[in-house]
Amino acid sequence: QVQLVESGGGLVQPGGSLNLSCAASGFASSNLAMSWYRQAPGKERELVAMISSSGFVTNYADSVKGRFTISRDNAEALVFLQMNSLKPEDTAVYYCHIWTTNYWGQGTQVTVSS
């Protein structure tokens, strides 16, 4: 069955970096666009970034442009989210998602705090 497993979250100080990974299995991930969403406490889930199946097209939320980079390794069925210059407002659970579907990972917690 379809599985998306995120890893790489944790506690980091403001200005720090984290690299999230999403391992996809049970489907042909290389044929599908993928995305990362996040949900902060008391807020709705929001799109952070998406990447086309080839990896050549990416889009980002305005709040993370220039700080976050989405990428993928289709040979290994992995999707990444490199997060730099992290801010306290980036604190959220981050979810891997198959674009335009209802398939989600279980989420990984990112906490930015001093």
N, C-alpha and C. Protein backbone atom coordinates (compact mmCIF):
# COMPACT_ATOMS: atom_id res chain seq x y z
N GLN A 1 0.83 -1.17 0.00
CA GLN A 1 0.00 0.00 0.00
C GLN A 1 0.88 1.25 0.00
N VAL A 2 0.25 2.38 -0.29
CA VAL A 2 0.98 3.64 -0.32
C VAL A 2 1.48 3.98 1.08
N GLN A 3 2.78 4.30 1.14
CA GLN A 3 3.37 4.74 2.41
C GLN A 3 4.27 5.93 2.17
N LEU A 4 4.14 6.92 3.04
CA LEU A 4 5.02 8.08 3.06
C LEU A 4 5.55 8.21 4.48
N VAL A 5 6.86 8.12 4.64
CA VAL A 5 7.46 8.13 5.98
C VAL A 5 8.44 9.29 6.07
N GLU A 6 8.10 10.27 6.91
CA GLU A 6 8.96 11.44 7.10
C GLU A 6 9.97 11.20 8.21
N SER A 7 11.10 11.88 8.10
CA SER A 7 12.11 11.86 9.15
C SER A 7 12.91 13.15 9.06
N GLY A 8 13.69 13.41 10.12
CA GLY A 8 14.58 14.56 10.11
C GLY A 8 14.13 15.74 10.94
N GLY A 9 12.94 15.66 11.53
CA GLY A 9 12.49 16.76 12.36
C GLY A 9 13.25 16.81 13.68
N GLY A 10 12.98 17.86 14.45
CA GLY A 10 13.64 17.98 15.74
C GLY A 10 13.57 19.40 16.26
N LEU A 11 14.38 19.65 17.29
CA LEU A 11 14.47 20.96 17.92
C LEU A 11 15.71 21.67 17.40
N VAL A 12 15.53 22.90 16.96
CA VAL A 12 16.67 23.66 16.43
C VAL A 12 16.52 25.12 16.87
N GLN A 13 17.64 25.79 17.04
CA GLN A 13 17.62 27.20 17.43
C GLN A 13 17.28 28.08 16.22
N PRO A 14 16.73 29.25 16.47
CA PRO A 14 16.49 30.19 15.36
C PRO A 14 17.77 30.44 14.57
N GLY A 15 17.61 30.45 13.25
CA GLY A 15 18.76 30.60 12.37
C GLY A 15 19.39 29.29 11.96
N GLY A 16 18.96 28.21 12.58
CA GLY A 16 19.53 26.90 12.28
C GLY A 16 18.91 26.26 11.05
N SER A 17 19.33 25.02 10.80
CA SER A 17 18.90 24.28 9.62
C SER A 17 18.45 22.87 9.98
N LEU A 18 17.55 22.35 9.17
CA LEU A 18 17.13 20.96 9.25
C LEU A 18 16.88 20.47 7.83
N ASN A 19 17.07 19.17 7.62
CA ASN A 19 16.77 18.57 6.32
C ASN A 19 15.78 17.43 6.54
N LEU A 20 14.56 17.62 6.08
CA LEU A 20 13.53 16.59 6.21
C LEU A 20 13.61 15.64 5.02
N SER A 21 13.31 14.38 5.28
CA SER A 21 13.25 13.37 4.23
C SER A 21 11.90 12.70 4.24
N CYS A 22 11.46 12.28 3.07
CA CYS A 22 10.22 11.52 2.94
C CYS A 22 10.52 10.30 2.06
N ALA A 23 10.34 9.13 2.64
CA ALA A 23 10.55 7.88 1.91
C ALA A 23 9.20 7.38 1.40
N ALA A 24 9.09 7.25 0.08
CA ALA A 24 7.84 6.84 -0.54
C ALA A 24 7.91 5.38 -0.97
N SER A 25 6.83 4.66 -0.77
CA SER A 25 6.78 3.27 -1.21
C SER A 25 5.34 2.88 -1.54
N GLY A 26 5.19 1.80 -2.30
CA GLY A 26 3.86 1.30 -2.63
C GLY A 26 3.22 1.94 -3.84
N PHE A 27 3.97 2.81 -4.52
CA PHE A 27 3.44 3.45 -5.73
C PHE A 27 4.64 3.98 -6.53
N ALA A 28 4.36 4.36 -7.77
CA ALA A 28 5.42 4.86 -8.65
C ALA A 28 5.64 6.34 -8.38
N SER A 29 6.38 6.64 -7.33
CA SER A 29 6.54 8.03 -6.91
C SER A 29 7.21 8.89 -7.97
N SER A 30 8.05 8.28 -8.80
CA SER A 30 8.76 9.07 -9.80
C SER A 30 7.83 9.66 -10.85
N ASN A 31 6.60 9.16 -10.93
CA ASN A 31 5.63 9.66 -11.90
C ASN A 31 4.72 10.76 -11.36
N LEU A 32 4.89 11.10 -10.09
CA LEU A 32 3.95 12.00 -9.43
C LEU A 32 4.64 13.21 -8.82
N ALA A 33 3.96 14.35 -8.88
CA ALA A 33 4.43 15.50 -8.14
C ALA A 33 4.23 15.23 -6.65
N MET A 34 5.12 15.82 -5.86
CA MET A 34 5.08 15.64 -4.41
C MET A 34 5.11 16.99 -3.73
N SER A 35 4.73 17.02 -2.47
CA SER A 35 4.70 18.29 -1.76
C SER A 35 4.95 18.09 -0.28
N TRP A 36 5.29 19.19 0.37
CA TRP A 36 5.39 19.26 1.82
C TRP A 36 4.37 20.29 2.31
N TYR A 37 3.64 19.91 3.34
CA TYR A 37 2.72 20.80 4.03
C TYR A 37 3.16 20.91 5.49
N ARG A 38 2.63 21.88 6.19
CA ARG A 38 2.88 21.97 7.62
C ARG A 38 1.61 22.46 8.32
N GLN A 39 1.54 22.10 9.61
CA GLN A 39 0.41 22.52 10.42
C GLN A 39 0.91 22.91 11.80
N ALA A 40 0.73 24.17 12.13
CA ALA A 40 1.10 24.68 13.44
C ALA A 40 -0.10 24.55 14.37
N PRO A 41 0.14 24.51 15.68
CA PRO A 41 -0.97 24.38 16.65
C PRO A 41 -2.01 25.47 16.45
N GLY A 42 -3.28 25.07 16.35
CA GLY A 42 -4.36 26.03 16.21
C GLY A 42 -4.51 26.63 14.84
N LYS A 43 -3.72 26.15 13.89
CA LYS A 43 -3.79 26.71 12.53
C LYS A 43 -4.12 25.62 11.52
N GLU A 44 -4.56 26.05 10.35
CA GLU A 44 -4.86 25.10 9.28
C GLU A 44 -3.57 24.60 8.64
N ARG A 45 -3.66 23.41 8.05
CA ARG A 45 -2.53 22.87 7.32
C ARG A 45 -2.27 23.74 6.07
N GLU A 46 -1.02 24.07 5.81
CA GLU A 46 -0.69 24.93 4.70
C GLU A 46 0.41 24.33 3.83
N LEU A 47 0.34 24.65 2.55
CA LEU A 47 1.35 24.19 1.60
C LEU A 47 2.66 24.92 1.84
N VAL A 48 3.75 24.17 1.92
CA VAL A 48 5.08 24.75 2.06
C VAL A 48 5.79 24.77 0.71
N ALA A 49 5.82 23.62 0.03
CA ALA A 49 6.52 23.53 -1.25
C ALA A 49 6.02 22.33 -2.02
N MET A 50 6.12 22.40 -3.35
CA MET A 50 5.80 21.26 -4.18
C MET A 50 6.86 21.12 -5.27
N ILE A 51 6.98 19.89 -5.78
CA ILE A 51 7.97 19.61 -6.81
C ILE A 51 7.35 18.69 -7.84
N SER A 52 7.63 18.96 -9.10
CA SER A 52 7.08 18.15 -10.18
C SER A 52 7.73 16.77 -10.19
N SER A 53 7.17 15.87 -10.96
CA SER A 53 7.68 14.49 -11.01
C SER A 53 9.13 14.46 -11.47
N SER A 54 9.49 15.33 -12.38
CA SER A 54 10.86 15.36 -12.89
C SER A 54 11.82 16.08 -11.97
N GLY A 55 11.25 16.93 -11.11
CA GLY A 55 12.08 17.75 -10.24
C GLY A 55 12.44 19.09 -10.83
N PHE A 56 12.05 19.33 -12.08
CA PHE A 56 12.45 20.57 -12.74
C PHE A 56 11.59 21.77 -12.35
N VAL A 57 10.39 21.52 -11.85
CA VAL A 57 9.49 22.61 -11.46
C VAL A 57 9.25 22.55 -9.96
N THR A 58 9.44 23.68 -9.30
CA THR A 58 9.19 23.77 -7.87
C THR A 58 8.40 25.05 -7.59
N ASN A 59 7.63 25.00 -6.52
CA ASN A 59 6.90 26.19 -6.05
C ASN A 59 6.96 26.23 -4.54
N TYR A 60 6.97 27.45 -4.00
CA TYR A 60 7.12 27.63 -2.56
C TYR A 60 6.10 28.64 -2.03
N ALA A 61 5.73 28.44 -0.79
CA ALA A 61 4.95 29.47 -0.09
C ALA A 61 5.83 30.70 0.06
N ASP A 62 5.21 31.87 0.01
CA ASP A 62 5.97 33.11 0.13
C ASP A 62 6.77 33.16 1.43
N SER A 63 6.24 32.57 2.47
CA SER A 63 6.87 32.64 3.78
C SER A 63 8.18 31.87 3.86
N VAL A 64 8.43 30.96 2.92
CA VAL A 64 9.65 30.14 2.98
C VAL A 64 10.58 30.35 1.79
N LYS A 65 10.14 31.15 0.81
CA LYS A 65 10.97 31.38 -0.37
C LYS A 65 12.34 31.92 0.01
N GLY A 66 13.37 31.35 -0.59
CA GLY A 66 14.74 31.78 -0.31
C GLY A 66 15.35 31.12 0.90
N ARG A 67 14.56 30.41 1.70
CA ARG A 67 15.07 29.72 2.89
C ARG A 67 14.95 28.21 2.78
N PHE A 68 13.89 27.74 2.14
CA PHE A 68 13.64 26.29 2.01
C PHE A 68 13.88 25.85 0.57
N THR A 69 14.34 24.61 0.43
CA THR A 69 14.52 24.02 -0.90
C THR A 69 13.96 22.61 -0.91
N ILE A 70 13.06 22.36 -1.86
CA ILE A 70 12.51 21.02 -2.04
C ILE A 70 13.27 20.33 -3.17
N SER A 71 13.54 19.05 -2.99
CA SER A 71 14.24 18.28 -4.02
C SER A 71 13.80 16.83 -3.93
N ARG A 72 14.22 16.05 -4.89
CA ARG A 72 13.84 14.63 -4.88
C ARG A 72 14.91 13.79 -5.53
N ASP A 73 14.93 12.54 -5.12
CA ASP A 73 15.81 11.52 -5.70
C ASP A 73 14.89 10.40 -6.16
N ASN A 74 14.55 10.41 -7.44
CA ASN A 74 13.58 9.42 -7.94
C ASN A 74 14.15 8.00 -7.93
N ALA A 75 15.42 7.87 -8.05
CA ALA A 75 16.03 6.53 -8.01
C ALA A 75 15.84 5.87 -6.64
N GLU A 76 15.83 6.71 -5.60
CA GLU A 76 15.68 6.19 -4.24
C GLU A 76 14.28 6.43 -3.67
N ALA A 77 13.39 7.03 -4.48
CA ALA A 77 12.02 7.33 -4.02
C ALA A 77 12.03 8.18 -2.76
N LEU A 78 12.84 9.23 -2.79
CA LEU A 78 12.96 10.13 -1.65
C LEU A 78 12.61 11.56 -2.06
N VAL A 79 12.00 12.27 -1.15
CA VAL A 79 11.73 13.70 -1.33
C VAL A 79 12.31 14.42 -0.12
N PHE A 80 12.95 15.54 -0.35
CA PHE A 80 13.64 16.26 0.72
C PHE A 80 13.09 17.67 0.87
N LEU A 81 13.25 18.20 2.07
CA LEU A 81 12.98 19.62 2.31
C LEU A 81 14.13 20.16 3.15
N GLN A 82 15.02 20.90 2.49
CA GLN A 82 16.13 21.54 3.19
C GLN A 82 15.63 22.88 3.72
N MET A 83 15.72 23.05 5.04
CA MET A 83 15.20 24.25 5.68
C MET A 83 16.35 25.00 6.34
N ASN A 84 16.61 26.20 5.87
CA ASN A 84 17.67 27.05 6.41
C ASN A 84 17.07 28.31 7.04
N SER A 85 17.88 28.99 7.82
CA SER A 85 17.46 30.24 8.46
C SER A 85 16.10 30.09 9.13
N LEU A 86 15.97 29.03 9.90
CA LEU A 86 14.68 28.72 10.52
C LEU A 86 14.28 29.78 11.53
N LYS A 87 12.97 30.01 11.58
CA LYS A 87 12.38 31.00 12.47
C LYS A 87 11.39 30.32 13.43
N PRO A 88 11.12 30.92 14.58
CA PRO A 88 10.13 30.31 15.49
C PRO A 88 8.78 30.05 14.81
N GLU A 89 8.40 30.90 13.87
CA GLU A 89 7.12 30.71 13.19
C GLU A 89 7.12 29.53 12.21
N ASP A 90 8.27 28.90 12.00
CA ASP A 90 8.33 27.68 11.20
C ASP A 90 7.97 26.44 12.03
N THR A 91 7.80 26.62 13.33
CA THR A 91 7.44 25.50 14.20
C THR A 91 6.10 24.91 13.78
N ALA A 92 6.09 23.61 13.51
CA ALA A 92 4.89 22.94 13.02
C ALA A 92 5.18 21.45 12.85
N VAL A 93 4.13 20.70 12.61
CA VAL A 93 4.30 19.33 12.13
C VAL A 93 4.35 19.40 10.60
N TYR A 94 5.37 18.80 10.03
CA TYR A 94 5.57 18.82 8.58
C TYR A 94 5.16 17.48 7.99
N TYR A 95 4.37 17.55 6.92
CA TYR A 95 3.81 16.36 6.30
C TYR A 95 4.26 16.23 4.85
N CYS A 96 4.61 15.03 4.47
CA CYS A 96 4.86 14.70 3.07
C CYS A 96 3.53 14.32 2.43
N HIS A 97 3.36 14.66 1.16
CA HIS A 97 2.04 14.51 0.53
C HIS A 97 2.21 14.25 -0.96
N ILE A 98 1.39 13.37 -1.49
CA ILE A 98 1.35 13.17 -2.93
C ILE A 98 0.42 14.23 -3.49
N TRP A 99 0.94 15.06 -4.37
CA TRP A 99 0.23 16.22 -4.89
C TRP A 99 -1.13 15.84 -5.47
N THR A 100 -2.14 16.58 -5.07
CA THR A 100 -3.54 16.45 -5.52
C THR A 100 -4.18 15.11 -5.14
N THR A 101 -3.65 14.45 -4.15
CA THR A 101 -4.28 13.22 -3.64
C THR A 101 -4.58 13.38 -2.16
N ASN A 102 -5.10 12.34 -1.58
CA ASN A 102 -5.38 12.35 -0.15
C ASN A 102 -4.41 11.45 0.61
N TYR A 103 -3.23 11.26 0.04
CA TYR A 103 -2.22 10.45 0.70
C TYR A 103 -1.23 11.35 1.46
N TRP A 104 -1.09 11.07 2.76
CA TRP A 104 -0.24 11.87 3.63
C TRP A 104 0.66 10.97 4.46
N GLY A 105 1.81 11.49 4.83
CA GLY A 105 2.64 10.80 5.81
C GLY A 105 2.12 11.09 7.21
N GLN A 106 2.81 10.52 8.20
CA GLN A 106 2.37 10.68 9.59
C GLN A 106 2.83 12.00 10.19
N GLY A 107 3.77 12.65 9.53
CA GLY A 107 4.26 13.94 10.00
C GLY A 107 5.50 13.84 10.86
N THR A 108 6.29 14.90 10.85
CA THR A 108 7.47 15.00 11.70
C THR A 108 7.47 16.39 12.33
N GLN A 109 7.75 16.45 13.63
CA GLN A 109 7.68 17.71 14.37
C GLN A 109 8.96 18.52 14.17
N VAL A 110 8.79 19.78 13.83
CA VAL A 110 9.90 20.73 13.76
C VAL A 110 9.61 21.84 14.77
N THR A 111 10.54 22.03 15.69
CA THR A 111 10.40 23.07 16.70
C THR A 111 11.60 24.00 16.63
N VAL A 112 11.33 25.28 16.44
CA VAL A 112 12.40 26.28 16.36
C VAL A 112 12.28 27.17 17.60
N SER A 113 13.26 27.03 18.48
CA SER A 113 13.19 27.74 19.75
C SER A 113 14.58 27.86 20.34
N SER A 114 14.79 28.95 21.06
CA SER A 114 16.07 29.13 21.77
C SER A 114 15.93 28.65 23.21
